[in-house]
C-alpha atoms as a PDB file:
ATOM      1  CA  MET A   1     -23.107 -15.277  20.118  1.00  0.00           C
ATOM      2  CA  SER A   2     -20.984 -14.796  16.949  1.00  0.00           C
ATOM      3  CA  LYS A   3     -20.866 -11.608  14.974  1.00  0.00           C
ATOM      4  CA  ILE A   4     -22.882 -11.349  11.526  1.00  0.00           C
ATOM      5  CA  PRO A   5     -20.272 -10.582   8.750  1.00  0.00           C
ATOM      6  CA  VAL A   6     -21.237  -7.676   6.689  1.00  0.00           C
ATOM      7  CA  TYR A   7     -19.029  -7.015   3.565  1.00  0.00           C
ATOM      8  CA  PHE A   8     -19.203  -4.028   1.624  1.00  0.00           C
ATOM      9  CA  MET A   9     -18.312  -3.829  -2.080  1.00  0.00           C
ATOM     10  CA  PRO A  10     -17.706   0.020  -3.426  1.00  0.00           C
ATOM     11  CA  GLY A  11     -18.898   1.581  -6.668  1.00  0.00           C
ATOM     12  CA  LEU A  12     -17.198   1.598 -10.247  1.00  0.00           C
ATOM     13  CA  ALA A  13     -13.506   2.602  -9.582  1.00  0.00           C
ATOM     14  CA  ALA A  14     -14.283   3.672  -6.053  1.00  0.00           C
ATOM     15  CA  SER A  15     -12.277   2.786  -2.874  1.00  0.00           C
ATOM     16  CA  SER A  16     -13.792   1.375   0.175  1.00  0.00           C
ATOM     17  CA  SER A  17     -13.444   4.551   1.958  1.00  0.00           C
ATOM     18  CA  ILE A  18     -17.028   5.521   0.689  1.00  0.00           C
ATOM     19  CA  PHE A  19     -18.108   3.379   3.596  1.00  0.00           C
ATOM     20  CA  GLU A  20     -16.197   5.173   6.127  1.00  0.00           C
ATOM     21  CA  ARG A  21     -19.445   6.866   7.562  1.00  0.00           C
ATOM     22  CA  ILE A  22     -21.256   3.519   7.844  1.00  0.00           C
ATOM     23  CA  LYS A  23     -21.183   2.544  11.371  1.00  0.00           C
ATOM     24  CA  LEU A  24     -22.938  -0.877  12.420  1.00  0.00           C
ATOM     25  CA  ASP A  25     -22.901  -2.122  16.080  1.00  0.00           C
ATOM     26  CA  GLU A  26     -19.857  -4.097  16.908  1.00  0.00           C
ATOM     27  CA  ALA A  27     -21.283  -6.215  19.269  1.00  0.00           C
ATOM     28  CA  VAL A  28     -23.529  -7.588  16.626  1.00  0.00           C
ATOM     29  CA  PHE A  29     -21.696  -6.969  13.194  1.00  0.00           C
ATOM     30  CA  GLU A  30     -18.332  -7.328  11.988  1.00  0.00           C
ATOM     31  CA  MET A  31     -17.873  -5.054   9.027  1.00  0.00           C
ATOM     32  CA  CYS A  32     -15.393  -6.155   6.251  1.00  0.00           C
ATOM     33  CA  LEU A  33     -14.560  -4.092   3.369  1.00  0.00           C
ATOM     34  CA  LEU A  34     -13.786  -5.320  -0.237  1.00  0.00           C
ATOM     35  CA  GLU A  35     -12.022  -3.639  -2.760  1.00  0.00           C
ATOM     36  CA  TRP A  36     -11.582  -3.680  -6.638  1.00  0.00           C
ATOM     37  CA  GLU A  37      -8.705  -5.488  -8.318  1.00  0.00           C
ATOM     38  CA  ILE A  38      -7.160  -5.209 -11.797  1.00  0.00           C
ATOM     39  CA  PRO A  39      -9.478  -7.793 -13.982  1.00  0.00           C
ATOM     40  CA  GLN A  40      -7.465 -10.165 -16.108  1.00  0.00           C
ATOM     41  CA  SER A  41      -6.979  -9.894 -19.970  1.00  0.00           C
ATOM     42  CA  LYS A  42     -10.623 -10.926 -21.006  1.00  0.00           C
ATOM     43  CA  GLU A  43     -11.742 -11.920 -17.713  1.00  0.00           C
ATOM     44  CA  SER A  44     -15.725 -12.460 -17.482  1.00  0.00           C
ATOM     45  CA  LEU A  45     -17.666 -10.755 -14.957  1.00  0.00           C
ATOM     46  CA  SER A  46     -18.301 -14.263 -13.324  1.00  0.00           C
ATOM     47  CA  ASP A  47     -14.920 -15.209 -13.355  1.00  0.00           C
ATOM     48  CA  TYR A  48     -13.840 -11.860 -11.675  1.00  0.00           C
ATOM     49  CA  ALA A  49     -16.786 -12.195  -9.088  1.00  0.00           C
ATOM     50  CA  LEU A  50     -15.404 -15.758  -8.300  1.00  0.00           C
ATOM     51  CA  ARG A  51     -11.844 -14.268  -7.567  1.00  0.00           C
ATOM     52  CA  ILE A  52     -13.352 -11.657  -5.459  1.00  0.00           C
ATOM     53  CA  THR A  53     -14.799 -14.103  -3.212  1.00  0.00           C
ATOM     54  CA  LYS A  54     -11.665 -15.519  -2.285  1.00  0.00           C
ATOM     55  CA  ASN A  55     -11.266 -12.279  -0.224  1.00  0.00           C
ATOM     56  CA  ILE A  56     -14.162 -13.628   2.069  1.00  0.00           C
ATOM     57  CA  LYS A  57     -13.196 -15.084   5.201  1.00  0.00           C
ATOM     58  CA  HIS A  58     -16.504 -15.998   6.660  1.00  0.00           C
ATOM     59  CA  GLU A  59     -19.237 -18.550   6.072  1.00  0.00           C
ATOM     60  CA  ASN A  60     -22.616 -17.222   5.105  1.00  0.00           C
ATOM     61  CA  PRO A  61     -21.505 -13.427   4.874  1.00  0.00           C
ATOM     62  CA  VAL A  62     -24.010 -10.479   4.391  1.00  0.00           C
ATOM     63  CA  LEU A  63     -22.868  -8.553   0.786  1.00  0.00           C
ATOM     64  CA  ILE A  64     -23.550  -5.044   0.548  1.00  0.00           C
ATOM     65  CA  GLY A  65     -22.971  -3.794  -2.846  1.00  0.00           C
ATOM     66  CA  VAL A  66     -22.911  -0.060  -4.220  1.00  0.00           C
ATOM     67  CA  SER A  67     -23.766   0.783  -7.778  1.00  0.00           C
ATOM     68  CA  PHE A  68     -21.394  -1.626  -9.972  1.00  0.00           C
ATOM     69  CA  GLY A  69     -20.400  -3.444  -6.688  1.00  0.00           C
ATOM     70  CA  GLY A  70     -24.152  -4.198  -6.471  1.00  0.00           C
ATOM     71  CA  ILE A  71     -23.982  -6.118  -9.556  1.00  0.00           C
ATOM     72  CA  LEU A  72     -20.571  -7.700  -8.657  1.00  0.00           C
ATOM     73  CA  VAL A  73     -22.064  -9.007  -5.384  1.00  0.00           C
ATOM     74  CA  GLN A  74     -24.964 -10.427  -7.313  1.00  0.00           C
ATOM     75  CA  GLU A  75     -22.514 -12.546  -9.337  1.00  0.00           C
ATOM     76  CA  MET A  76     -20.530 -13.472  -6.247  1.00  0.00           C
ATOM     77  CA  ALA A  77     -23.614 -15.116  -4.780  1.00  0.00           C
ATOM     78  CA  LYS A  78     -23.448 -17.690  -7.593  1.00  0.00           C
ATOM     79  CA  HIS A  79     -20.569 -18.992  -6.229  1.00  0.00           C
ATOM     80  CA  ILE A  80     -20.816 -19.024  -2.295  1.00  0.00           C
ATOM     81  CA  GLN A  81     -23.440 -19.316   0.255  1.00  0.00           C
ATOM     82  CA  VAL A  82     -24.473 -15.861   1.396  1.00  0.00           C
ATOM     83  CA  ARG A  83     -27.001 -15.057   4.462  1.00  0.00           C
ATOM     84  CA  LYS A  84     -28.212 -11.903   2.276  1.00  0.00           C
ATOM     85  CA  ILE A  85     -27.752  -9.490  -0.421  1.00  0.00           C
ATOM     86  CA  ILE A  86     -28.415  -5.907  -0.099  1.00  0.00           C
ATOM     87  CA  ILE A  87     -27.828  -3.586  -3.000  1.00  0.00           C
ATOM     88  CA  ILE A  88     -27.750   0.448  -2.754  1.00  0.00           C
ATOM     89  CA  SER A  89     -27.878   2.742  -5.768  1.00  0.00           C
ATOM     90  CA  SER A  90     -27.910  -0.279  -8.072  1.00  0.00           C
ATOM     91  CA  VAL A  91     -30.401  -2.689 -10.305  1.00  0.00           C
ATOM     92  CA  ARG A  92     -31.289  -6.223  -9.763  1.00  0.00           C
ATOM     93  CA  SER A  93     -31.358  -6.849 -13.810  1.00  0.00           C
ATOM     94  CA  ASN A  94     -30.694  -5.132 -16.959  1.00  0.00           C
ATOM     95  CA  THR A  95     -34.314  -4.568 -17.506  1.00  0.00           C
ATOM     96  CA  GLU A  96     -33.892  -1.660 -15.051  1.00  0.00           C
ATOM     97  CA  PHE A  97     -31.182   0.007 -17.105  1.00  0.00           C
ATOM     98  CA  PRO A  98     -31.917   3.447 -18.039  1.00  0.00           C
ATOM     99  CA  ARG A  99     -32.753   3.776 -22.015  1.00  0.00           C
ATOM    100  CA  ARG A 100     -29.391   5.422 -22.740  1.00  0.00           C
ATOM    101  CA  MET A 101     -27.560   2.414 -21.319  1.00  0.00           C
ATOM    102  CA  LYS A 102     -29.776   0.050 -23.464  1.00  0.00           C
ATOM    103  CA  ILE A 103     -29.069   2.233 -26.452  1.00  0.00           C
ATOM    104  CA  GLY A 104     -25.302   1.886 -25.519  1.00  0.00           C
ATOM    105  CA  LYS A 105     -25.332  -1.627 -25.616  1.00  0.00           C
ATOM    106  CA  THR A 106     -27.141  -2.028 -28.894  1.00  0.00           C
ATOM    107  CA  THR A 107     -24.727   0.805 -30.563  1.00  0.00           C
ATOM    108  CA  LYS A 108     -21.542  -0.277 -28.762  1.00  0.00           C
ATOM    109  CA  ALA A 109     -21.412   3.589 -28.000  1.00  0.00           C
ATOM    110  CA  TYR A 110     -19.669   2.685 -24.631  1.00  0.00           C
ATOM    111  CA  LYS A 111     -16.483   2.061 -26.512  1.00  0.00           C
ATOM    112  CA  LEU A 112     -16.430   5.808 -27.370  1.00  0.00           C
ATOM    113  CA  ILE A 113     -16.148   7.194 -23.916  1.00  0.00           C
ATOM    114  CA  PRO A 114     -12.604   8.858 -23.363  1.00  0.00           C
ATOM    115  CA  MET A 115     -11.496   6.848 -20.166  1.00  0.00           C
ATOM    116  CA  LYS A 116      -8.266   8.904 -20.310  1.00  0.00           C
ATOM    117  CA  LEU A 117     -10.478  11.913 -19.211  1.00  0.00           C
ATOM    118  CA  ILE A 118     -12.169  10.261 -16.490  1.00  0.00           C
ATOM    119  CA  LEU A 119      -8.792   9.078 -15.151  1.00  0.00           C
ATOM    120  CA  ASN A 120      -7.273  12.627 -14.903  1.00  0.00           C
ATOM    121  CA  ILE A 121      -9.132  14.411 -12.435  1.00  0.00           C
ATOM    122  CA  GLU A 122      -6.629  17.009 -11.919  1.00  0.00           C
ATOM    123  CA  ASN A 123      -7.120  18.017 -15.529  1.00  0.00           C
ATOM    124  CA  LEU A 124     -10.917  18.228 -14.887  1.00  0.00           C
ATOM    125  CA  ALA A 125     -10.279  20.478 -12.000  1.00  0.00           C
ATOM    126  CA  LYS A 126      -8.314  22.912 -14.066  1.00  0.00           C
ATOM    127  CA  TYR A 127     -11.236  23.170 -16.330  1.00  0.00           C
ATOM    128  CA  SER A 128     -13.893  23.546 -13.640  1.00  0.00           C
ATOM    129  CA  PHE A 129     -15.038  26.638 -12.072  1.00  0.00           C
ATOM    130  CA  GLY A 130     -16.791  27.406  -8.712  1.00  0.00           C
ATOM    131  CA  GLU A 131     -16.341  26.474  -5.066  1.00  0.00           C
ATOM    132  CA  LYS A 132     -18.977  23.668  -5.326  1.00  0.00           C
ATOM    133  CA  ILE A 133     -17.352  21.685  -8.590  1.00  0.00           C
ATOM    134  CA  ASN A 134     -13.836  21.791  -6.857  1.00  0.00           C
ATOM    135  CA  LYS A 135     -15.020  20.621  -3.612  1.00  0.00           C
ATOM    136  CA  ARG A 136     -17.001  17.634  -5.642  1.00  0.00           C
ATOM    137  CA  ILE A 137     -13.413  16.820  -7.410  1.00  0.00           C
ATOM    138  CA  LYS A 138     -11.745  16.764  -4.053  1.00  0.00           C
ATOM    139  CA  LEU A 139     -14.256  14.244  -3.035  1.00  0.00           C
ATOM    140  CA  TYR A 140     -13.867  12.050  -6.227  1.00  0.00           C
ATOM    141  CA  GLU A 141      -9.789  12.278  -5.877  1.00  0.00           C
ATOM    142  CA  LYS A 142     -10.431  10.918  -2.375  1.00  0.00           C
ATOM    143  CA  PHE A 143     -12.823   8.117  -3.132  1.00  0.00           C
ATOM    144  CA  LEU A 144     -12.001   7.033  -6.778  1.00  0.00           C
ATOM    145  CA  ALA A 145      -9.167   4.547  -6.361  1.00  0.00           C
ATOM    146  CA  MET A 146      -9.046   2.330  -9.444  1.00  0.00           C
ATOM    147  CA  ARG A 147      -7.460   4.824 -11.952  1.00  0.00           C
ATOM    148  CA  ASP A 148      -6.378   1.874 -14.128  1.00  0.00           C
ATOM    149  CA  LEU A 149      -7.477   2.383 -17.910  1.00  0.00           C
ATOM    150  CA  HIS A 150      -7.883  -1.313 -18.568  1.00  0.00           C
ATOM    151  CA  TYR A 151      -9.931  -1.774 -15.134  1.00  0.00           C
ATOM    152  CA  LEU A 152     -12.284   1.320 -16.100  1.00  0.00           C
ATOM    153  CA  GLN A 153     -12.887   0.014 -19.615  1.00  0.00           C
ATOM    154  CA  TRP A 154     -13.564  -3.449 -18.476  1.00  0.00           C
ATOM    155  CA  ALA A 155     -16.012  -1.977 -15.576  1.00  0.00           C
ATOM    156  CA  VAL A 156     -17.805  -0.077 -18.091  1.00  0.00           C
ATOM    157  CA  GLU A 157     -18.243  -2.603 -20.728  1.00  0.00           C
ATOM    158  CA  ASN A 158     -19.317  -5.590 -17.879  1.00  0.00           C
ATOM    159  CA  VAL A 159     -21.915  -3.097 -16.526  1.00  0.00           C
ATOM    160  CA  ILE A 160     -23.431  -2.363 -19.798  1.00  0.00           C
ATOM    161  CA  LEU A 161     -23.404  -5.881 -21.045  1.00  0.00           C
ATOM    162  CA  TRP A 162     -24.601  -7.485 -17.785  1.00  0.00           C
ATOM    163  CA  ASP A 163     -26.923 -10.546 -19.044  1.00  0.00           C
ATOM    164  CA  ARG A 164     -29.208 -11.057 -15.972  1.00  0.00           C
ATOM    165  CA  ASP A 165     -32.386 -10.311 -17.456  1.00  0.00           C
ATOM    166  CA  GLN A 166     -34.752 -11.494 -14.458  1.00  0.00           C
ATOM    167  CA  ARG A 167     -34.514  -9.647 -11.048  1.00  0.00           C
ATOM    168  CA  ASP A 168     -33.692 -12.064  -7.842  1.00  0.00           C
ATOM    169  CA  GLU A 169     -36.747 -10.825  -5.441  1.00  0.00           C
ATOM    170  CA  LYS A 170     -34.533 -12.098  -2.509  1.00  0.00           C
ATOM    171  CA  VAL A 171     -32.032  -9.166  -3.107  1.00  0.00           C
ATOM    172  CA  ILE A 172     -32.961  -6.174  -1.010  1.00  0.00           C
ATOM    173  CA  HIS A 173     -32.650  -3.020  -3.058  1.00  0.00           C
ATOM    174  CA  ILE A 174     -32.281   0.328  -1.582  1.00  0.00           C
ATOM    175  CA  HIS A 175     -32.491   3.318  -3.980  1.00  0.00           C
ATOM    176  CA  GLY A 176     -32.646   6.920  -3.828  1.00  0.00           C
ATOM    177  CA  ASP A 177     -35.513   8.794  -5.623  1.00  0.00           C
ATOM    178  CA  LYS A 178     -33.177  11.496  -7.099  1.00  0.00           C
ATOM    179  CA  ASP A 179     -30.544   8.994  -8.417  1.00  0.00           C
ATOM    180  CA  ASP A 180     -29.367  10.140 -11.990  1.00  0.00           C
ATOM    181  CA  VAL A 181     -27.419   7.044 -13.044  1.00  0.00           C
ATOM    182  CA  PHE A 182     -30.214   4.336 -12.465  1.00  0.00           C
ATOM    183  CA  PRO A 183     -33.576   6.689 -12.549  1.00  0.00           C
ATOM    184  CA  ILE A 184     -36.265   5.531 -10.055  1.00  0.00           C
ATOM    185  CA  LYS A 185     -38.700   5.287 -12.823  1.00  0.00           C
ATOM    186  CA  TYR A 186     -37.055   2.357 -14.354  1.00  0.00           C
ATOM    187  CA  ILE A 187     -36.562   0.462 -10.909  1.00  0.00           C
ATOM    188  CA  LYS A 188     -38.948  -2.237  -9.595  1.00  0.00           C
ATOM    189  CA  SER A 189     -39.825  -2.426  -5.824  1.00  0.00           C
ATOM    190  CA  CYS A 190     -37.140  -1.236  -3.594  1.00  0.00           C
ATOM    191  CA  ILE A 191     -36.914   0.422  -0.212  1.00  0.00           C
ATOM    192  CA  ILE A 192     -37.015   4.438  -1.439  1.00  0.00           C
ATOM    193  CA  VAL A 193     -34.599   6.583   0.314  1.00  0.00           C
ATOM    194  CA  LYS A 194     -36.126  10.181  -0.096  1.00  0.00           C
ATOM    195  CA  GLY A 195     -33.520  12.738  -1.792  1.00  0.00           C
ATOM    196  CA  GLY A 196     -31.518  10.078  -2.253  1.00  0.00           C
ATOM    197  CA  THR A 197     -28.828  10.366  -5.155  1.00  0.00           C
ATOM    198  CA  HIS A 198     -26.562   8.171  -6.862  1.00  0.00           C
ATOM    199  CA  VAL A 199     -23.976   8.832  -3.888  1.00  0.00           C
ATOM    200  CA  MET A 200     -26.348   8.625  -1.150  1.00  0.00           C
ATOM    201  CA  ILE A 201     -23.688   6.494   0.481  1.00  0.00           C
ATOM    202  CA  LEU A 202     -21.776   9.510   1.258  1.00  0.00           C
ATOM    203  CA  ASN A 203     -24.627  11.717   2.280  1.00  0.00           C
ATOM    204  CA  LYS A 204     -27.499   9.691   3.368  1.00  0.00           C
ATOM    205  CA  TYR A 205     -25.227   7.712   5.841  1.00  0.00           C
ATOM    206  CA  LYS A 206     -27.454   8.661   8.807  1.00  0.00           C
ATOM    207  CA  TRP A 207     -30.537   6.927   7.005  1.00  0.00           C
ATOM    208  CA  LEU A 208     -28.136   3.986   6.154  1.00  0.00           C
ATOM    209  CA  ASN A 209     -26.921   3.807   9.770  1.00  0.00           C
ATOM    210  CA  GLU A 210     -30.394   3.799  11.294  1.00  0.00           C
ATOM    211  CA  ASN A 211     -31.977   1.242   8.904  1.00  0.00           C
ATOM    212  CA  LEU A 212     -29.329  -1.194   7.866  1.00  0.00           C
ATOM    213  CA  PRO A 213     -29.428  -3.137  11.189  1.00  0.00           C
ATOM    214  CA  SER A 214     -32.931  -4.179  10.933  1.00  0.00           C
ATOM    215  CA  ILE A 215     -32.818  -4.894   7.009  1.00  0.00           C
ATOM    216  CA  ILE A 216     -29.890  -6.977   7.749  1.00  0.00           C
ATOM    217  CA  LEU A 217     -31.360  -8.840  10.767  1.00  0.00           C
ATOM    218  CA  GLU A 218     -34.909  -9.234   8.911  1.00  0.00           C
ATOM    219  CA  ASP A 219     -35.986 -12.696   8.187  1.00  0.00           C
END
């Protein structure tokens, strides 16, 4: 029996190391990790998605995306045949965006976000106090791979301006009830993970390891 190829796409600016605790049975699944690439000048999300599909070496794969990676895998599926799409801590259409993101689109407020601040985690550390915050910053340093200004501006704009306004019911959506980026009250029909936050790929990995195999194999 040939293995089922499962491709994982991390969240905005994150590296594929966010999946280091995700373990699938190697006899059944082949785990493949995707990474963000620098977008070309004025590249559309659809063209970018097509470019990332060039890194997929198997036919009919399962695509799993986290946060903005969840949006991206849905766009990738327009260009290739896929067995299944699973999104984690993400949305299936722009109707599930929280109000602040919808306002950001109308007012173009997203253009005012100081990206340089986001990039400079070390500076942030200097101004943060307490063990917990510094631990969190160390975590971000490890997992934030893409610190390119052009990428960040492109990514934030392409999340806010995502034009899909109809949910694809075939997309399987796993979401935490404590997600502060995409609050559960705006999400329509999903598999709910109790206590799951926006970064539950890191701290609810046991739930994912237990449940992902049957979710992938389900017809």
